[in-house]
Amino acid sequence: MANEPVQTTCCVVGGGPAGVMLGYLLARSGVDVTVLEKHQDFNRDFRGDTVHPSTLEVMYELGILDDFLKVPHQRLTSAGGVYGDYAFKAADFTSLPTHCKFVALMPQWDLLDFLSPKGKEFPSFQLRMENQASDLIDEGGRIRGVVSNTPDGPVEIHSDLVVGCDGRHSLTRQAAHFEVLEQGVPINVLWLRISRVGNDPENLFGNINYGGALILIPRGDYFQAAMVIRKGSFEQFQNAGIEAFRERVLQIAPFLGDRVEELREWDQIKLLSVQINRLQQWHRPGLLCIGDAAHAMSPVGGVGINLAIQDAVATANVLAAPLREKRVTEAMLARIQTRREFPTRVTQFLQVNAHKALQYVFENPGRLTAPWQFKAVLSIPGIQKLPARVIGMGVLPEHIKGATALKTCPMLSLKKIAIGAGLLAAGIVIGTRIVKASRKRDFAWGASRPGW
């Protein structure tokens, strides 16, 4: 027997951070909203788990920050690392004009398990688990809903608006035939875990040396580690064997010592294929894409979750009242793209340049020595506040409509963020050129090593 069609005002496809946050915000504004999530729960292997001050500020404005901070998490107040043998601090979040002057580290499933019950407090919020969108309902060129596969068979969900929040492999954007603009990406990331001991770094810690980069994110009693590698080189590492991989990790971060022996098999190491892309157009009549469905981000800076949530806030601010009053127009959808495309493009520009710097690191397999220019820039008083502002707050932070934000000069804040983004981009470019120049040195001893 066929399932009865479901009628709702807004159908949100995808129960990730953007989708659940948007569903919560719309329901809070009295909009009838249905969120579709293809899995039976949120407890699966997510990549992004950094909740930045911009997102924490949104939670403050919603009045749920205190409850959120009761969920187990770790706090990063700075980010730094070691370049060769030179220890540095790259970002300091403690002076941000936000209520929380830190990045919260929390598994994404905990974030979603926190947000979804908040949505369910409103009668107009419905979260349908094990509902995988399989097609769009197109009536004369306008999207009128989606077809969803469920354990009980397919069901049609009719709506005034569909919002695609279903990630970088989005069904909604594929079914809508949206054009995807791809950026070439020279890197991939290997995720792994290594235990922590008492004297290990308390904040995010990057290790750059011998033609490689290993980022260590403290997570209680272990590090979530990200080994940055050339795109397409994972098979070379596997062919060389797990012992060679352990040696490689130890060479880049020697303080880990015999803890690298915890890496016993390749099942402990997960490949993340890095992408940077965005849609040429995010919308068509009856359909809008936001978050990773509209723009896939690199893990550089850990901004993906936070950019997606900013998209959700902007979308709710623009569309909540028109959805209630059945007067959403495509011009409104275009307005959301116009507002959110700017921070997306700036952030992706910074990530692309960071990738270029990493590419040059790959080509320099010897022991690195930090150039004096690099040291001089980082010694400028207050310089660490600028990248912290770009990473922690984003290029265009959004606020809940009607909420009272912290009293700062909006124009001054935007100028500072723009200056920070410009200086960060300039630093990346200068650093890239410095590393490129250092390639001229001869390190023939490492030239034949796999994946280096």
Protein backbone atom coordinates (compact mmCIF):
# COMPACT_ATOMS: atom_id res chain seq x y z
CA MET A 1 0.00 0.00 0.00
CA ALA A 2 1.41 3.40 -1.00
CA ASN A 3 2.34 5.83 1.76
CA GLU A 4 0.14 8.88 2.11
CA PRO A 5 1.80 12.12 0.88
CA VAL A 6 3.08 14.49 3.55
CA GLN A 7 2.31 18.21 3.37
CA THR A 8 4.63 20.78 4.92
CA THR A 9 5.63 24.40 4.34
CA CYS A 10 9.40 23.85 4.12
CA CYS A 11 11.13 20.53 3.45
CA VAL A 12 14.79 20.52 4.51
CA VAL A 13 16.79 17.72 2.89
CA GLY A 14 19.70 16.68 5.10
CA GLY A 15 19.99 16.48 8.88
CA GLY A 16 23.47 17.95 9.21
CA PRO A 17 24.35 21.19 11.03
CA ALA A 18 22.82 23.46 8.37
CA GLY A 19 19.64 21.40 8.04
CA VAL A 20 18.92 20.87 11.74
CA MET A 21 19.76 24.47 12.61
CA LEU A 22 17.55 25.79 9.81
CA GLY A 23 14.70 23.50 10.87
CA TYR A 24 15.02 24.69 14.46
CA LEU A 25 15.11 28.37 13.48
CA LEU A 26 12.11 28.10 11.16
CA ALA A 27 10.04 26.14 13.70
CA ARG A 28 10.99 28.72 16.33
CA SER A 29 9.46 31.32 14.00
CA GLY A 30 6.25 29.36 13.56
CA VAL A 31 6.97 27.76 10.18
CA ASP A 32 5.82 24.20 9.54
CA VAL A 33 9.10 22.44 8.67
CA THR A 34 10.10 18.84 7.96
CA VAL A 35 13.77 17.80 8.11
CA LEU A 36 14.78 14.58 6.30
CA GLU A 37 17.79 12.57 7.51
CA LYS A 38 18.75 9.41 5.65
CA HIS A 39 20.40 7.64 8.63
CA GLN A 40 18.63 6.19 11.66
CA ASP A 41 20.70 8.30 14.05
CA PHE A 42 23.47 10.91 14.04
CA ASN A 43 26.08 8.58 15.52
CA ARG A 44 28.41 8.08 12.60
CA ASP A 45 31.90 9.13 11.55
CA PHE A 46 31.84 12.87 10.98
CA ARG A 47 34.86 14.94 10.02
CA GLY A 48 34.00 18.42 11.24
CA ASP A 49 33.84 18.91 14.98
CA THR A 50 35.01 22.49 15.56
CA VAL A 51 32.30 24.86 16.78
CA HIS A 52 33.67 28.36 16.31
CA PRO A 53 32.91 31.53 18.31
CA SER A 54 30.55 32.74 15.55
CA THR A 55 28.36 29.66 16.04
CA LEU A 56 28.59 29.91 19.83
CA GLU A 57 27.44 33.52 19.53
CA VAL A 58 24.37 32.37 17.57
CA MET A 59 23.60 29.96 20.40
CA TYR A 60 23.96 32.79 22.91
CA GLU A 61 21.48 34.89 20.92
CA LEU A 62 19.08 31.92 20.91
CA GLY A 63 19.39 31.57 24.69
CA ILE A 64 20.75 28.00 24.52
CA LEU A 65 24.49 28.59 25.00
CA ASP A 66 24.61 27.61 28.68
CA ASP A 67 22.88 24.31 27.92
CA PHE A 68 25.19 23.68 24.97
CA LEU A 69 28.33 24.20 27.04
CA LYS A 70 27.15 21.50 29.44
CA VAL A 71 27.71 18.96 26.64
CA PRO A 72 31.23 17.49 27.02
CA HIS A 73 33.71 19.39 24.86
CA GLN A 74 37.24 20.73 24.77
CA ARG A 75 38.24 24.35 24.27
CA LEU A 76 40.89 25.82 21.99
CA THR A 77 42.03 29.34 22.84
CA SER A 78 44.81 29.45 20.28
CA ALA A 79 46.32 27.66 17.30
CA GLY A 80 50.01 27.27 16.56
CA GLY A 81 52.63 24.75 15.70
CA VAL A 82 56.22 24.07 14.75
CA TYR A 83 57.74 25.04 11.39
CA GLY A 84 60.94 23.03 11.20
CA ASP A 85 62.31 23.69 14.67
CA TYR A 86 60.56 27.06 15.13
CA ALA A 87 57.57 27.05 17.48
CA PHE A 88 54.92 29.67 16.71
CA LYS A 89 51.41 30.84 17.58
CA ALA A 90 49.29 31.64 14.52
CA ALA A 91 45.94 32.62 16.06
CA ASP A 92 44.76 33.82 19.47
CA PHE A 93 41.00 33.69 20.07
CA THR A 94 41.03 35.26 23.54
CA SER A 95 40.38 38.82 22.35
CA LEU A 96 37.45 38.17 20.02
CA PRO A 97 34.38 40.40 20.56
CA THR A 98 32.19 37.39 21.35
CA HIS A 99 30.84 35.83 24.53
CA CYS A 100 32.94 32.71 23.97
CA LYS A 101 36.57 33.42 23.18
CA PHE A 102 37.43 29.88 22.19
CA VAL A 103 36.69 27.16 19.68
CA ALA A 104 34.65 24.28 21.14
CA LEU A 105 35.66 20.79 20.04
CA MET A 106 32.70 18.44 20.00
CA PRO A 107 31.77 15.41 17.87
CA GLN A 108 29.23 16.50 15.30
CA TRP A 109 26.73 13.89 16.46
CA ASP A 110 26.71 15.55 19.90
CA LEU A 111 26.01 18.91 18.28
CA LEU A 112 23.10 17.43 16.31
CA ASP A 113 21.79 15.48 19.31
CA PHE A 114 21.74 18.80 21.16
CA LEU A 115 20.04 20.85 18.43
CA SER A 116 17.37 18.39 17.29
CA PRO A 117 15.55 18.22 20.68
CA LYS A 118 15.54 22.03 20.72
CA GLY A 119 13.66 21.91 17.44
CA LYS A 120 11.24 19.29 18.74
CA GLU A 121 10.17 21.70 21.46
CA PHE A 122 8.14 23.43 18.74
CA PRO A 123 5.05 21.63 17.38
CA SER A 124 5.79 22.73 13.80
CA PHE A 125 9.15 20.89 13.73
CA GLN A 126 9.30 17.36 12.37
CA LEU A 127 12.51 15.33 12.02
CA ARG A 128 12.06 12.22 9.89
CA MET A 129 14.95 9.77 10.30
CA GLU A 130 15.71 7.06 7.71
CA ASN A 131 14.25 9.30 5.02
CA GLN A 132 16.55 9.58 2.01
CA ALA A 133 15.51 12.00 -0.70
CA SER A 134 15.65 10.27 -4.08
CA ASP A 135 14.11 12.84 -6.43
CA LEU A 136 12.55 16.27 -6.66
CA ILE A 137 8.88 16.83 -7.47
CA ASP A 138 8.94 19.20 -10.43
CA GLU A 139 5.67 20.75 -11.58
CA GLY A 140 6.07 22.97 -14.62
CA GLY A 141 9.61 24.03 -13.72
CA ARG A 142 8.85 24.73 -10.06
CA ILE A 143 9.96 22.38 -7.29
CA ARG A 144 6.98 21.31 -5.19
CA GLY A 145 8.63 18.79 -2.86
CA VAL A 146 10.72 15.62 -2.80
CA VAL A 147 10.31 11.88 -3.06
CA SER A 148 11.82 10.19 -0.02
CA ASN A 149 12.78 6.53 0.40
CA THR A 150 11.87 5.11 3.80
CA PRO A 151 11.93 1.60 5.37
CA ASP A 152 8.19 1.47 4.58
CA GLY A 153 8.62 2.49 0.95
CA PRO A 154 8.70 5.79 -0.93
CA VAL A 155 6.71 8.80 0.26
CA GLU A 156 6.06 12.13 -1.42
CA ILE A 157 6.67 15.20 0.72
CA HIS A 158 4.98 18.25 -0.75
CA SER A 159 6.17 21.69 0.29
CA ASP A 160 6.21 25.34 -0.67
CA LEU A 161 10.02 25.31 -0.52
CA VAL A 162 12.74 22.65 -0.53
CA VAL A 163 16.09 23.53 1.01
CA GLY A 164 18.97 21.25 0.09
CA CYS A 165 21.35 20.78 3.03
CA ASP A 166 22.50 17.32 1.97
CA GLY A 167 26.23 17.88 1.70
CA ARG A 168 28.83 17.85 -1.02
CA HIS A 169 27.27 14.80 -2.68
CA SER A 170 23.89 16.52 -2.68
CA LEU A 171 21.01 14.75 -4.40
CA THR A 172 19.04 17.99 -4.52
CA ARG A 173 21.66 19.87 -6.51
CA GLN A 174 22.17 16.91 -8.84
CA ALA A 175 18.43 16.51 -9.47
CA ALA A 176 18.12 20.26 -10.08
CA HIS A 177 20.99 20.11 -12.62
CA PHE A 178 22.84 22.95 -10.93
CA GLU A 179 26.24 23.82 -12.38
CA VAL A 180 29.13 23.09 -10.00
CA LEU A 181 32.28 25.24 -10.21
CA GLU A 182 35.23 23.09 -9.13
CA GLN A 183 38.52 24.40 -7.75
CA GLY A 184 41.56 22.23 -8.27
CA VAL A 185 42.71 20.78 -4.95
CA PRO A 186 46.25 19.31 -4.62
CA ILE A 187 45.76 17.70 -1.20
CA ASN A 188 43.90 15.00 0.66
CA VAL A 189 43.79 14.35 4.39
CA LEU A 190 44.36 11.17 6.37
CA TRP A 191 42.45 11.11 9.69
CA LEU A 192 43.82 9.07 12.58
CA ARG A 193 43.93 8.99 16.35
CA ILE A 194 46.98 9.03 18.61
CA SER A 195 46.89 9.08 22.41
CA ARG A 196 47.83 12.16 24.45
CA VAL A 197 49.98 12.44 27.56
CA GLY A 198 50.16 15.09 30.24
CA ASN A 199 52.71 17.44 28.69
CA ASP A 200 51.24 17.43 25.17
CA PRO A 201 49.94 20.69 23.63
CA GLU A 202 46.54 21.83 24.91
CA ASN A 203 45.62 23.73 21.75
CA LEU A 204 45.58 22.94 18.04
CA PHE A 205 49.12 22.15 17.03
CA GLY A 206 50.51 21.90 13.51
CA ASN A 207 53.79 20.23 12.62
CA ILE A 208 55.39 21.22 9.29
CA ASN A 209 58.66 19.57 8.32
CA TYR A 210 60.33 17.14 5.91
CA GLY A 211 57.89 17.85 3.12
CA GLY A 212 54.79 17.10 5.19
CA ALA A 213 52.23 18.49 7.62
CA LEU A 214 50.53 16.84 10.59
CA ILE A 215 47.79 18.74 12.43
CA LEU A 216 47.04 17.58 15.98
CA ILE A 217 43.69 18.49 17.54
CA PRO A 218 43.48 17.69 21.28
CA ARG A 219 40.38 15.65 22.15
CA GLY A 220 40.66 14.73 25.82
CA ASP A 221 42.89 11.68 26.08
CA TYR A 222 43.73 11.52 22.37
CA PHE A 223 44.70 13.63 19.38
CA GLN A 224 42.48 13.76 16.32
CA ALA A 225 45.31 13.92 13.81
CA ALA A 226 45.18 15.08 10.20
CA MET A 227 48.05 14.08 7.96
CA VAL A 228 48.04 16.29 4.87
CA ILE A 229 49.17 14.39 1.77
CA ARG A 230 49.34 14.93 -1.98
CA LYS A 231 46.08 14.11 -3.71
CA GLY A 232 46.28 10.60 -5.11
CA SER A 233 49.28 9.51 -3.00
CA PHE A 234 47.47 7.38 -0.39
CA GLU A 235 48.03 4.21 -2.37
CA GLN A 236 51.78 4.88 -2.33
CA PHE A 237 51.73 5.07 1.45
CA GLN A 238 49.77 1.83 1.64
CA ASN A 239 52.17 0.08 -0.72
CA ALA A 240 55.12 1.17 1.44
CA GLY A 241 53.51 -0.45 4.49
CA ILE A 242 52.20 0.63 7.87
CA GLU A 243 55.68 0.63 9.43
CA ALA A 244 56.89 3.21 6.89
CA PHE A 245 53.79 5.28 7.63
CA ARG A 246 54.55 5.22 11.36
CA GLU A 247 58.09 6.37 10.60
CA ARG A 248 56.69 9.18 8.51
CA VAL A 249 54.41 10.38 11.33
CA LEU A 250 57.28 10.22 13.80
CA GLN A 251 59.60 12.15 11.49
CA ILE A 252 57.16 15.06 11.24
CA ALA A 253 56.19 15.01 14.95
CA PRO A 254 59.05 13.33 16.85
CA PHE A 255 57.60 14.19 20.27
CA LEU A 256 54.95 11.48 19.72
CA GLY A 257 57.65 8.86 20.35
CA ASP A 258 56.52 5.26 20.62
CA ARG A 259 52.86 6.30 20.51
CA VAL A 260 53.01 5.87 16.74
CA GLU A 261 53.05 2.12 17.46
CA GLU A 262 49.31 2.50 18.17
CA LEU A 263 48.85 2.66 14.39
CA ARG A 264 48.73 -1.06 13.61
CA GLU A 265 46.51 -1.33 10.54
CA TRP A 266 45.16 0.79 7.71
CA ASP A 267 41.60 0.53 9.04
CA GLN A 268 42.66 3.06 11.69
CA ILE A 269 43.46 5.61 9.00
CA LYS A 270 40.61 7.23 7.05
CA LEU A 271 41.03 9.05 3.75
CA LEU A 272 39.20 12.35 3.33
CA SER A 273 39.05 13.44 -0.30
CA VAL A 274 39.31 17.22 -0.12
CA GLN A 275 37.11 19.31 -2.39
CA ILE A 276 36.51 22.98 -2.93
CA ASN A 277 33.56 23.90 -5.11
CA ARG A 278 30.46 26.05 -5.23
CA LEU A 279 27.31 26.27 -7.27
CA GLN A 280 27.03 28.85 -10.01
CA GLN A 281 23.43 29.36 -8.90
CA TRP A 282 22.09 28.16 -5.56
CA HIS A 283 18.39 28.35 -6.34
CA ARG A 284 15.52 27.86 -8.75
CA PRO A 285 11.78 28.29 -8.17
CA GLY A 286 10.86 26.31 -5.07
CA LEU A 287 14.43 25.18 -4.27
CA LEU A 288 17.46 26.59 -2.43
CA CYS A 289 20.78 24.93 -1.59
CA ILE A 290 22.94 26.02 1.36
CA GLY A 291 25.88 24.65 3.34
CA ASP A 292 28.05 22.02 1.66
CA ALA A 293 25.29 21.43 -0.90
CA ALA A 294 26.01 24.95 -2.18
CA HIS A 295 29.73 25.12 -1.42
CA ALA A 296 32.07 22.31 -0.41
CA MET A 297 34.91 23.59 1.77
CA SER A 298 38.39 22.34 2.53
CA PRO A 299 39.11 21.27 6.13
CA VAL A 300 41.67 24.13 6.30
CA GLY A 301 40.57 26.35 9.19
CA GLY A 302 37.79 23.97 10.24
CA VAL A 303 35.20 26.44 8.95
CA GLY A 304 32.77 24.08 7.17
CA ILE A 305 30.25 23.55 9.98
CA ASN A 306 30.30 27.20 10.92
CA LEU A 307 29.86 28.53 7.40
CA ALA A 308 26.91 26.13 6.98
CA ILE A 309 25.27 27.35 10.19
CA GLN A 310 25.78 30.96 9.11
CA ASP A 311 23.96 30.05 5.87
CA ALA A 312 21.10 28.62 7.92
CA VAL A 313 20.82 31.76 10.06
CA ALA A 314 20.78 34.01 6.99
CA THR A 315 18.16 31.79 5.33
CA ALA A 316 15.88 31.84 8.37
CA ASN A 317 16.26 35.60 8.76
CA VAL A 318 15.16 36.20 5.16
CA LEU A 319 12.53 33.49 4.71
CA ALA A 320 10.79 32.84 8.04
CA ALA A 321 8.07 35.47 7.64
CA PRO A 322 7.55 34.91 3.88
CA LEU A 323 7.21 31.15 4.49
CA ARG A 324 4.58 31.75 7.18
CA GLU A 325 2.71 34.07 4.86
CA LYS A 326 3.09 31.90 1.71
CA ARG A 327 4.87 34.62 -0.24
CA VAL A 328 8.37 33.30 -0.94
CA THR A 329 9.76 34.53 -4.26
CA GLU A 330 12.82 33.51 -6.21
CA ALA A 331 14.18 37.02 -5.66
CA MET A 332 14.32 36.20 -1.95
CA LEU A 333 16.27 33.03 -2.67
CA ALA A 334 18.65 35.04 -4.86
CA ARG A 335 19.09 37.50 -2.00
CA ILE A 336 20.36 34.69 0.24
CA GLN A 337 22.89 33.59 -2.36
CA THR A 338 24.07 37.18 -2.85
CA ARG A 339 24.62 37.58 0.90
CA ARG A 340 26.30 34.25 1.56
CA GLU A 341 28.31 33.87 -1.65
CA PHE A 342 30.69 36.66 -0.66
CA PRO A 343 31.99 35.02 2.55
CA THR A 344 32.07 31.68 0.73
CA ARG A 345 34.27 32.98 -2.06
CA VAL A 346 36.64 34.84 0.28
CA THR A 347 37.02 31.77 2.49
CA GLN A 348 37.63 29.50 -0.48
CA PHE A 349 40.21 31.96 -1.84
CA LEU A 350 42.13 31.73 1.44
CA GLN A 351 41.87 27.93 1.44
CA VAL A 352 43.13 27.66 -2.15
CA ASN A 353 46.19 29.74 -1.26
CA ALA A 354 46.80 27.65 1.84
CA HIS A 355 46.73 24.57 -0.39
CA LYS A 356 49.34 26.16 -2.65
CA ALA A 357 51.60 26.69 0.35
CA LEU A 358 51.18 23.04 1.35
CA GLN A 359 51.93 21.94 -2.19
CA TYR A 360 55.29 23.67 -2.03
CA VAL A 361 55.97 22.07 1.35
CA PHE A 362 55.49 18.68 -0.32
CA GLU A 363 58.18 19.58 -2.82
CA ASN A 364 60.75 20.33 -0.12
CA PRO A 365 61.47 16.96 1.53
CA GLY A 366 64.33 18.11 3.73
CA ARG A 367 64.41 19.62 7.19
CA LEU A 368 62.78 23.03 7.13
CA THR A 369 64.21 26.19 8.63
CA ALA A 370 61.81 29.03 9.31
CA PRO A 371 62.77 32.09 7.23
CA TRP A 372 63.42 35.33 9.08
CA GLN A 373 60.49 36.93 7.23
CA PHE A 374 58.14 34.34 8.69
CA LYS A 375 59.45 34.99 12.19
CA ALA A 376 59.29 38.76 11.70
CA VAL A 377 55.62 38.69 10.68
CA LEU A 378 54.62 36.53 13.64
CA SER A 379 56.51 38.84 16.02
CA ILE A 380 54.30 41.84 15.13
CA PRO A 381 52.31 42.72 18.29
CA GLY A 382 48.72 41.55 18.03
CA ILE A 383 49.16 39.85 14.65
CA GLN A 384 47.65 36.61 15.99
CA LYS A 385 44.33 38.40 16.56
CA LEU A 386 43.74 38.90 12.84
CA PRO A 387 43.66 35.26 11.66
CA ALA A 388 41.72 34.45 14.84
CA ARG A 389 39.08 36.91 13.75
CA VAL A 390 38.87 35.49 10.24
CA ILE A 391 38.75 31.88 11.45
CA GLY A 392 36.73 32.39 14.61
CA MET A 393 34.10 34.83 13.35
CA GLY A 394 34.16 34.36 9.59
CA VAL A 395 34.04 36.98 6.87
CA LEU A 396 30.37 37.91 7.40
CA PRO A 397 29.04 36.62 10.73
CA GLU A 398 25.27 36.31 10.92
CA HIS A 399 23.05 37.15 13.88
CA ILE A 400 19.60 35.93 14.88
CA LYS A 401 17.00 38.39 13.66
CA GLY A 402 15.79 40.49 16.56
CA ALA A 403 18.61 39.42 18.88
CA THR A 404 20.79 41.98 20.65
CA ALA A 405 24.36 41.45 19.50
CA LEU A 406 27.43 42.52 21.45
CA LYS A 407 27.98 46.25 21.19
CA THR A 408 30.73 46.62 18.62
CA CYS A 409 30.92 48.95 15.67
CA PRO A 410 29.67 46.84 12.73
CA MET A 411 31.67 48.78 10.15
CA LEU A 412 34.81 48.61 12.26
CA SER A 413 34.36 44.88 12.80
CA LEU A 414 33.85 44.30 9.08
CA LYS A 415 36.94 46.37 8.33
CA LYS A 416 38.98 44.38 10.82
CA ILE A 417 37.79 41.10 9.35
CA ALA A 418 38.59 42.33 5.84
CA ILE A 419 42.03 43.50 6.93
CA GLY A 420 42.60 40.20 8.70
CA ALA A 421 41.57 38.24 5.62
CA GLY A 422 43.83 40.36 3.44
CA LEU A 423 46.81 39.99 5.73
CA LEU A 424 46.18 36.27 6.10
CA ALA A 425 46.06 35.88 2.32
CA ALA A 426 49.21 37.97 1.94
CA GLY A 427 50.95 35.88 4.59
CA ILE A 428 50.01 32.68 2.81
CA VAL A 429 51.26 34.01 -0.53
CA ILE A 430 54.52 35.31 0.96
CA GLY A 431 55.03 32.08 2.87
CA THR A 432 54.43 30.11 -0.31
CA ARG A 433 57.06 32.10 -2.16
CA ILE A 434 59.54 31.64 0.67
CA VAL A 435 59.02 27.89 0.70
CA LYS A 436 59.18 27.79 -3.08
CA ALA A 437 62.55 29.53 -3.01
CA SER A 438 63.82 27.01 -0.48
CA ARG A 439 63.11 24.21 -2.95
CA LYS A 440 66.27 25.16 -4.77
CA ARG A 441 68.27 23.45 -2.04
CA ASP A 442 69.25 19.92 -2.81
CA PHE A 443 67.64 17.20 -0.70
CA ALA A 444 68.32 14.27 -2.96
CA TRP A 445 68.31 11.81 -0.06
CA GLY A 446 64.52 12.02 0.21
CA ALA A 447 63.63 12.24 -3.45
CA SER A 448 62.70 8.58 -3.88
CA ARG A 449 60.50 8.23 -0.79
CA PRO A 450 56.89 7.31 -1.59
CA GLY A 451 54.29 10.07 -1.39
CA TRP A 452 56.78 12.77 -0.31
